[in-house]
Amino acid sequence: MKNTKYDHLADKHKPKENKIEHVIISFLSGGMIGLLGEVIIEVLVKSFPLSRNDASSIMIVLMIFLASLCTALGFFDKLVGIFRCGLLIPITGFAHSMTSSALDYRKEGPIYGIGSNMFKLAGSVILYGVVSAWMFGTIRFLIEGLMK
């Protein structure tokens, strides 16, 4: 069978994705994650003598913990299948990438397995986050210096 004929046959039987539906689901689920974060912050501020900044830090740690726990228990990927990218974009996706890498390579040991592979995906996010923060900080410094 020629490649073009095979490609045509494969495309005919491939399930069609509804991209608009996926965008809406991702938008709403990402918003739900943000709403959950805000609810946690408000509960912490009202229940404990915490400032909003301290409650925000605790909320971030809690969200990272929950995403890592869901990954370790094996149902984070199932949730991503339902909620799409809305679950991966916030800090929960970052926690999932680190935890899943650590779990995948744990049999190779703490150094060559977990330590060497934990930042495979997250390392590029950290790198480009730091580089872009440095660039924007430099631009802001130069603009503020010129305005004085």
N, C-alpha and C. Protein backbone atom coordinates (compact mmCIF):
# COMPACT_ATOMS: atom_id res chain seq x y z
N MET A 1 0.85 -1.17 0.00
CA MET A 1 0.00 0.00 0.00
C MET A 1 0.90 1.24 0.00
N LYS A 2 0.60 2.16 -0.86
CA LYS A 2 1.41 3.38 -0.95
C LYS A 2 1.12 4.27 0.25
N ASN A 3 2.11 5.12 0.57
CA ASN A 3 1.99 5.99 1.75
C ASN A 3 0.80 6.93 1.65
N THR A 4 0.54 7.52 0.48
CA THR A 4 -0.57 8.46 0.36
C THR A 4 -1.91 7.76 0.55
N LYS A 5 -2.02 6.53 0.02
CA LYS A 5 -3.26 5.77 0.19
C LYS A 5 -3.45 5.39 1.66
N TYR A 6 -2.37 5.00 2.32
CA TYR A 6 -2.44 4.65 3.74
C TYR A 6 -2.81 5.88 4.57
N ASP A 7 -2.17 7.03 4.29
CA ASP A 7 -2.48 8.26 5.03
C ASP A 7 -3.95 8.63 4.87
N HIS A 8 -4.47 8.50 3.65
CA HIS A 8 -5.87 8.83 3.40
C HIS A 8 -6.78 7.88 4.20
N LEU A 9 -6.46 6.59 4.19
CA LEU A 9 -7.25 5.62 4.93
C LEU A 9 -7.17 5.86 6.44
N ALA A 10 -5.98 6.20 6.95
CA ALA A 10 -5.82 6.47 8.38
C ALA A 10 -6.57 7.73 8.79
N ASP A 11 -6.52 8.77 7.96
CA ASP A 11 -7.24 10.01 8.27
C ASP A 11 -8.75 9.79 8.29
N LYS A 12 -9.22 8.89 7.44
CA LYS A 12 -10.65 8.60 7.36
C LYS A 12 -11.17 7.97 8.66
N HIS A 13 -10.32 7.19 9.32
CA HIS A 13 -10.75 6.49 10.54
C HIS A 13 -10.28 7.15 11.83
N LYS A 14 -9.54 8.22 11.70
CA LYS A 14 -9.06 8.93 12.89
C LYS A 14 -10.21 9.73 13.50
N PRO A 15 -10.37 9.66 14.83
CA PRO A 15 -11.46 10.44 15.44
C PRO A 15 -11.20 11.94 15.30
N LYS A 16 -12.24 12.66 14.96
CA LYS A 16 -12.13 14.11 14.79
C LYS A 16 -12.23 14.79 16.16
N GLU A 17 -11.36 15.77 16.36
CA GLU A 17 -11.38 16.52 17.62
C GLU A 17 -12.17 17.80 17.45
N ASN A 18 -12.94 18.13 18.45
CA ASN A 18 -13.68 19.38 18.46
C ASN A 18 -12.83 20.40 19.20
N LYS A 19 -12.06 21.20 18.46
CA LYS A 19 -11.11 22.12 19.08
C LYS A 19 -11.80 23.23 19.86
N ILE A 20 -12.93 23.68 19.40
CA ILE A 20 -13.66 24.72 20.13
C ILE A 20 -14.09 24.20 21.50
N GLU A 21 -14.58 22.98 21.53
CA GLU A 21 -14.98 22.37 22.80
C GLU A 21 -13.77 22.23 23.74
N HIS A 22 -12.63 21.84 23.20
CA HIS A 22 -11.43 21.68 24.01
C HIS A 22 -10.98 23.03 24.58
N VAL A 23 -11.07 24.08 23.78
CA VAL A 23 -10.69 25.42 24.25
C VAL A 23 -11.61 25.86 25.39
N ILE A 24 -12.89 25.65 25.22
CA ILE A 24 -13.85 26.06 26.26
C ILE A 24 -13.62 25.27 27.54
N ILE A 25 -13.42 23.95 27.41
CA ILE A 25 -13.17 23.12 28.60
C ILE A 25 -11.88 23.54 29.29
N SER A 26 -10.83 23.81 28.51
CA SER A 26 -9.55 24.24 29.09
C SER A 26 -9.70 25.58 29.79
N PHE A 27 -10.41 26.50 29.17
CA PHE A 27 -10.62 27.82 29.76
C PHE A 27 -11.38 27.71 31.08
N LEU A 28 -12.45 26.94 31.08
CA LEU A 28 -13.26 26.81 32.30
C LEU A 28 -12.52 26.05 33.40
N SER A 29 -11.80 24.99 33.03
CA SER A 29 -11.09 24.23 34.06
C SER A 29 -9.91 25.02 34.62
N GLY A 30 -9.21 25.78 33.78
CA GLY A 30 -8.16 26.66 34.28
C GLY A 30 -8.72 27.73 35.20
N GLY A 31 -9.90 28.23 34.85
CA GLY A 31 -10.57 29.20 35.72
C GLY A 31 -10.99 28.58 37.04
N MET A 32 -11.41 27.31 36.99
CA MET A 32 -11.78 26.62 38.23
C MET A 32 -10.56 26.43 39.14
N ILE A 33 -9.41 26.15 38.54
CA ILE A 33 -8.18 26.03 39.33
C ILE A 33 -7.86 27.37 39.98
N GLY A 34 -7.99 28.45 39.22
CA GLY A 34 -7.77 29.78 39.78
C GLY A 34 -8.76 30.12 40.88
N LEU A 35 -10.02 29.76 40.66
CA LEU A 35 -11.06 29.99 41.67
C LEU A 35 -10.77 29.19 42.93
N LEU A 36 -10.37 27.93 42.77
CA LEU A 36 -10.00 27.11 43.92
C LEU A 36 -8.86 27.75 44.70
N GLY A 37 -7.88 28.27 43.98
CA GLY A 37 -6.77 28.96 44.65
C GLY A 37 -7.24 30.16 45.44
N GLU A 38 -8.13 30.95 44.86
CA GLU A 38 -8.66 32.13 45.56
C GLU A 38 -9.49 31.73 46.77
N VAL A 39 -10.27 30.66 46.65
CA VAL A 39 -11.07 30.18 47.80
C VAL A 39 -10.14 29.75 48.93
N ILE A 40 -9.08 29.03 48.58
CA ILE A 40 -8.11 28.60 49.61
C ILE A 40 -7.49 29.81 50.29
N ILE A 41 -7.12 30.82 49.52
CA ILE A 41 -6.54 32.04 50.10
C ILE A 41 -7.52 32.71 51.04
N GLU A 42 -8.76 32.85 50.61
CA GLU A 42 -9.77 33.51 51.45
C GLU A 42 -10.03 32.73 52.73
N VAL A 43 -10.10 31.42 52.63
CA VAL A 43 -10.32 30.59 53.83
C VAL A 43 -9.15 30.75 54.79
N LEU A 44 -7.93 30.74 54.26
CA LEU A 44 -6.75 30.89 55.12
C LEU A 44 -6.71 32.27 55.79
N VAL A 45 -7.03 33.31 55.05
CA VAL A 45 -7.00 34.67 55.61
C VAL A 45 -8.06 34.84 56.69
N LYS A 46 -9.25 34.28 56.45
CA LYS A 46 -10.34 34.44 57.41
C LYS A 46 -10.22 33.49 58.61
N SER A 47 -9.58 32.35 58.43
CA SER A 47 -9.51 31.35 59.50
C SER A 47 -8.27 31.48 60.38
N PHE A 48 -7.20 32.02 59.83
CA PHE A 48 -5.93 32.11 60.55
C PHE A 48 -5.42 33.55 60.49
N PRO A 49 -4.58 33.93 61.44
CA PRO A 49 -4.04 35.29 61.40
C PRO A 49 -2.90 35.40 60.36
N LEU A 50 -3.28 35.35 59.09
CA LEU A 50 -2.31 35.40 58.00
C LEU A 50 -2.57 36.59 57.10
N SER A 51 -1.50 37.14 56.56
CA SER A 51 -1.67 38.17 55.53
C SER A 51 -2.02 37.48 54.22
N ARG A 52 -2.48 38.26 53.27
CA ARG A 52 -2.83 37.69 51.96
C ARG A 52 -1.61 37.10 51.27
N ASN A 53 -0.45 37.74 51.42
CA ASN A 53 0.78 37.21 50.82
C ASN A 53 1.16 35.87 51.43
N ASP A 54 1.07 35.74 52.74
CA ASP A 54 1.38 34.46 53.39
C ASP A 54 0.38 33.38 52.98
N ALA A 55 -0.89 33.75 52.90
CA ALA A 55 -1.91 32.78 52.49
C ALA A 55 -1.68 32.36 51.03
N SER A 56 -1.23 33.27 50.19
CA SER A 56 -0.94 32.94 48.79
C SER A 56 0.20 31.93 48.70
N SER A 57 1.21 32.11 49.52
CA SER A 57 2.33 31.16 49.52
C SER A 57 1.88 29.77 49.98
N ILE A 58 1.05 29.73 51.01
CA ILE A 58 0.54 28.45 51.49
C ILE A 58 -0.35 27.80 50.44
N MET A 59 -1.15 28.60 49.74
CA MET A 59 -2.02 28.07 48.69
C MET A 59 -1.18 27.44 47.58
N ILE A 60 -0.09 28.08 47.19
CA ILE A 60 0.77 27.54 46.13
C ILE A 60 1.36 26.20 46.56
N VAL A 61 1.85 26.14 47.79
CA VAL A 61 2.40 24.89 48.30
C VAL A 61 1.32 23.80 48.34
N LEU A 62 0.11 24.15 48.74
CA LEU A 62 -0.99 23.20 48.81
C LEU A 62 -1.37 22.70 47.41
N MET A 63 -1.41 23.59 46.43
CA MET A 63 -1.75 23.18 45.06
C MET A 63 -0.67 22.26 44.49
N ILE A 64 0.59 22.56 44.77
CA ILE A 64 1.69 21.71 44.32
C ILE A 64 1.57 20.33 44.97
N PHE A 65 1.28 20.31 46.26
CA PHE A 65 1.11 19.05 46.98
C PHE A 65 -0.04 18.23 46.39
N LEU A 66 -1.17 18.87 46.16
CA LEU A 66 -2.33 18.15 45.63
C LEU A 66 -2.06 17.58 44.24
N ALA A 67 -1.41 18.37 43.38
CA ALA A 67 -1.10 17.89 42.03
C ALA A 67 -0.10 16.74 42.09
N SER A 68 0.89 16.84 42.97
CA SER A 68 1.87 15.77 43.11
C SER A 68 1.22 14.51 43.68
N LEU A 69 0.33 14.67 44.63
CA LEU A 69 -0.38 13.53 45.21
C LEU A 69 -1.25 12.84 44.16
N CYS A 70 -1.98 13.63 43.37
CA CYS A 70 -2.80 13.05 42.31
C CYS A 70 -1.95 12.32 41.28
N THR A 71 -0.76 12.85 40.98
CA THR A 71 0.15 12.19 40.06
C THR A 71 0.65 10.88 40.65
N ALA A 72 1.05 10.91 41.92
CA ALA A 72 1.56 9.71 42.57
C ALA A 72 0.49 8.64 42.69
N LEU A 73 -0.75 9.03 42.89
CA LEU A 73 -1.84 8.06 42.99
C LEU A 73 -2.31 7.57 41.63
N GLY A 74 -1.87 8.23 40.57
CA GLY A 74 -2.12 7.75 39.22
C GLY A 74 -3.36 8.26 38.53
N PHE A 75 -4.03 9.27 39.08
CA PHE A 75 -5.22 9.74 38.37
C PHE A 75 -5.11 11.16 37.84
N PHE A 76 -3.95 11.79 37.92
CA PHE A 76 -3.80 13.14 37.35
C PHE A 76 -3.96 13.09 35.83
N ASP A 77 -3.39 12.07 35.17
CA ASP A 77 -3.51 11.96 33.72
C ASP A 77 -4.96 11.76 33.28
N LYS A 78 -5.74 11.05 34.08
CA LYS A 78 -7.16 10.88 33.78
C LYS A 78 -7.89 12.21 33.90
N LEU A 79 -7.51 13.02 34.90
CA LEU A 79 -8.12 14.34 35.05
C LEU A 79 -7.75 15.25 33.88
N VAL A 80 -6.50 15.13 33.39
CA VAL A 80 -6.08 15.93 32.23
C VAL A 80 -6.89 15.53 31.00
N GLY A 81 -7.21 14.23 30.88
CA GLY A 81 -8.06 13.79 29.78
C GLY A 81 -9.43 14.43 29.80
N ILE A 82 -9.91 14.76 30.97
CA ILE A 82 -11.22 15.41 31.12
C ILE A 82 -11.10 16.92 31.01
N PHE A 83 -10.19 17.51 31.78
CA PHE A 83 -10.10 18.96 31.90
C PHE A 83 -9.12 19.62 30.93
N ARG A 84 -8.40 18.81 30.18
CA ARG A 84 -7.49 19.28 29.13
C ARG A 84 -6.39 20.18 29.68
N CYS A 85 -6.01 21.14 28.87
CA CYS A 85 -4.87 22.01 29.19
C CYS A 85 -5.12 22.91 30.40
N GLY A 86 -6.35 23.14 30.75
CA GLY A 86 -6.65 23.99 31.89
C GLY A 86 -6.05 23.47 33.18
N LEU A 87 -5.79 22.19 33.23
CA LEU A 87 -5.20 21.57 34.42
C LEU A 87 -3.67 21.59 34.35
N LEU A 88 -3.13 21.69 33.14
CA LEU A 88 -1.68 21.64 32.97
C LEU A 88 -1.01 23.00 33.00
N ILE A 89 -1.71 24.04 32.64
CA ILE A 89 -1.08 25.35 32.52
C ILE A 89 -0.71 25.95 33.87
N PRO A 90 -1.57 25.91 34.87
CA PRO A 90 -1.17 26.51 36.16
C PRO A 90 -0.03 25.72 36.81
N ILE A 91 0.28 26.06 38.01
CA ILE A 91 1.39 25.43 38.73
C ILE A 91 1.17 23.95 38.93
N THR A 92 -0.07 23.49 38.80
CA THR A 92 -0.34 22.07 38.92
C THR A 92 0.34 21.27 37.82
N GLY A 93 0.42 21.82 36.63
CA GLY A 93 1.11 21.14 35.53
C GLY A 93 2.60 21.03 35.78
N PHE A 94 3.18 22.08 36.36
CA PHE A 94 4.60 22.07 36.70
C PHE A 94 4.88 21.00 37.75
N ALA A 95 4.03 20.92 38.76
CA ALA A 95 4.20 19.91 39.81
C ALA A 95 4.04 18.50 39.22
N HIS A 96 3.09 18.34 38.32
CA HIS A 96 2.87 17.04 37.68
C HIS A 96 4.09 16.62 36.87
N SER A 97 4.68 17.54 36.14
CA SER A 97 5.83 17.18 35.31
C SER A 97 7.01 16.73 36.17
N MET A 98 7.23 17.39 37.27
CA MET A 98 8.34 17.00 38.14
C MET A 98 8.06 15.67 38.85
N THR A 99 6.86 15.50 39.35
CA THR A 99 6.53 14.28 40.08
C THR A 99 6.51 13.07 39.16
N SER A 100 5.95 13.22 37.97
CA SER A 100 5.89 12.08 37.06
C SER A 100 7.29 11.68 36.60
N SER A 101 8.18 12.65 36.37
CA SER A 101 9.56 12.32 36.01
C SER A 101 10.26 11.59 37.16
N ALA A 102 10.04 12.06 38.37
CA ALA A 102 10.66 11.41 39.53
C ALA A 102 10.15 9.98 39.69
N LEU A 103 8.86 9.78 39.48
CA LEU A 103 8.29 8.44 39.62
C LEU A 103 8.74 7.51 38.50
N ASP A 104 8.88 8.04 37.30
CA ASP A 104 9.29 7.21 36.16
C ASP A 104 10.69 6.64 36.34
N TYR A 105 11.57 7.40 36.97
CA TYR A 105 12.97 7.00 37.07
C TYR A 105 13.39 6.59 38.48
N ARG A 106 12.46 6.37 39.37
CA ARG A 106 12.81 6.05 40.76
C ARG A 106 13.54 4.72 40.90
N LYS A 107 13.34 3.79 39.98
CA LYS A 107 14.01 2.48 40.07
C LYS A 107 15.50 2.58 39.79
N GLU A 108 15.93 3.66 39.16
CA GLU A 108 17.35 3.84 38.86
C GLU A 108 18.10 4.46 40.03
N GLY A 109 17.41 4.76 41.11
CA GLY A 109 18.05 5.28 42.30
C GLY A 109 17.84 6.77 42.48
N PRO A 110 18.21 7.28 43.67
CA PRO A 110 17.96 8.68 43.97
C PRO A 110 18.86 9.66 43.18
N ILE A 111 20.07 9.24 42.80
CA ILE A 111 20.97 10.15 42.09
C ILE A 111 20.78 10.05 40.58
N TYR A 112 21.02 8.86 40.04
CA TYR A 112 20.96 8.69 38.59
C TYR A 112 19.53 8.60 38.06
N GLY A 113 18.61 8.28 38.90
CA GLY A 113 17.22 8.19 38.48
C GLY A 113 16.46 9.47 38.74
N ILE A 114 16.09 9.67 40.00
CA ILE A 114 15.25 10.81 40.37
C ILE A 114 15.99 12.13 40.15
N GLY A 115 17.20 12.24 40.70
CA GLY A 115 17.93 13.51 40.62
C GLY A 115 18.29 13.92 39.21
N SER A 116 18.65 12.96 38.37
CA SER A 116 19.06 13.27 37.00
C SER A 116 17.89 13.55 36.08
N ASN A 117 16.75 13.00 36.37
CA ASN A 117 15.64 13.08 35.42
C ASN A 117 14.46 13.93 35.88
N MET A 118 14.48 14.38 37.11
CA MET A 118 13.35 15.11 37.67
C MET A 118 13.06 16.42 36.92
N PHE A 119 14.11 17.05 36.42
CA PHE A 119 13.95 18.36 35.79
C PHE A 119 13.97 18.28 34.26
N LYS A 120 13.71 17.11 33.69
CA LYS A 120 13.75 16.99 32.23
C LYS A 120 12.82 17.98 31.56
N LEU A 121 11.57 17.99 31.92
CA LEU A 121 10.62 18.93 31.34
C LEU A 121 10.62 20.24 32.10
N ALA A 122 10.65 20.17 33.41
CA ALA A 122 10.55 21.37 34.24
C ALA A 122 11.80 22.23 34.12
N GLY A 123 12.94 21.64 33.79
CA GLY A 123 14.18 22.41 33.67
C GLY A 123 14.10 23.48 32.61
N SER A 124 13.50 23.16 31.47
CA SER A 124 13.38 24.17 30.41
C SER A 124 12.42 25.28 30.83
N VAL A 125 11.38 24.94 31.57
CA VAL A 125 10.45 25.96 32.07
C VAL A 125 11.17 26.90 33.03
N ILE A 126 11.97 26.33 33.93
CA ILE A 126 12.72 27.15 34.88
C ILE A 126 13.73 28.04 34.14
N LEU A 127 14.46 27.44 33.21
CA LEU A 127 15.47 28.18 32.46
C LEU A 127 14.85 29.38 31.74
N TYR A 128 13.83 29.15 30.95
CA TYR A 128 13.25 30.25 30.18
C TYR A 128 12.48 31.22 31.06
N GLY A 129 11.97 30.76 32.19
CA GLY A 129 11.35 31.68 33.14
C GLY A 129 12.37 32.64 33.73
N VAL A 130 13.53 32.12 34.11
CA VAL A 130 14.60 32.95 34.69
C VAL A 130 15.15 33.91 33.63
N VAL A 131 15.39 33.40 32.44
CA VAL A 131 15.94 34.25 31.36
C VAL A 131 14.97 35.35 30.99
N SER A 132 13.69 35.02 30.85
CA SER A 132 12.72 36.07 30.49
C SER A 132 12.53 37.06 31.63
N ALA A 133 12.56 36.60 32.89
CA ALA A 133 12.47 37.53 34.02
C ALA A 133 13.67 38.47 34.03
N TRP A 134 14.84 37.95 33.72
CA TRP A 134 16.04 38.80 33.66
C TRP A 134 15.90 39.83 32.53
N MET A 135 15.44 39.39 31.37
CA MET A 135 15.29 40.31 30.23
C MET A 135 14.28 41.42 30.54
N PHE A 136 13.12 41.03 31.05
CA PHE A 136 12.10 42.04 31.35
C PHE A 136 12.52 42.94 32.50
N GLY A 137 13.24 42.39 33.46
CA GLY A 137 13.77 43.22 34.55
C GLY A 137 14.78 44.23 34.04
N THR A 138 15.62 43.82 33.12
CA THR A 138 16.61 44.73 32.52
C THR A 138 15.91 45.82 31.72
N ILE A 139 14.91 45.44 30.93
CA ILE A 139 14.16 46.43 30.15
C ILE A 139 13.47 47.41 31.07
N ARG A 140 12.86 46.93 32.13
CA ARG A 140 12.19 47.82 33.09
C ARG A 140 13.19 48.76 33.76
N PHE A 141 14.34 48.21 34.14
CA PHE A 141 15.38 49.03 34.76
C PHE A 141 15.83 50.13 33.81
N LEU A 142 16.03 49.81 32.54
CA LEU A 142 16.46 50.80 31.57
C LEU A 142 15.39 51.86 31.31
N ILE A 143 14.14 51.43 31.22
CA ILE A 143 13.05 52.39 30.98
C ILE A 143 12.88 53.31 32.17
N GLU A 144 12.91 52.77 33.38
CA GLU A 144 12.79 53.61 34.58
C GLU A 144 13.98 54.53 34.73
N GLY A 145 15.17 54.07 34.33
CA GLY A 145 16.35 54.92 34.38
C GLY A 145 16.27 56.08 33.40
N LEU A 146 15.69 55.86 32.24
CA LEU A 146 15.54 56.90 31.24
C LEU A 146 14.47 57.91 31.62
N MET A 147 13.49 57.51 32.39
CA MET A 147 12.39 58.39 32.77
C MET A 147 12.75 59.34 33.89
N LYS A 148 13.81 59.02 34.64
CA LYS A 148 14.18 59.87 35.78
C LYS A 148 14.88 61.10 35.35
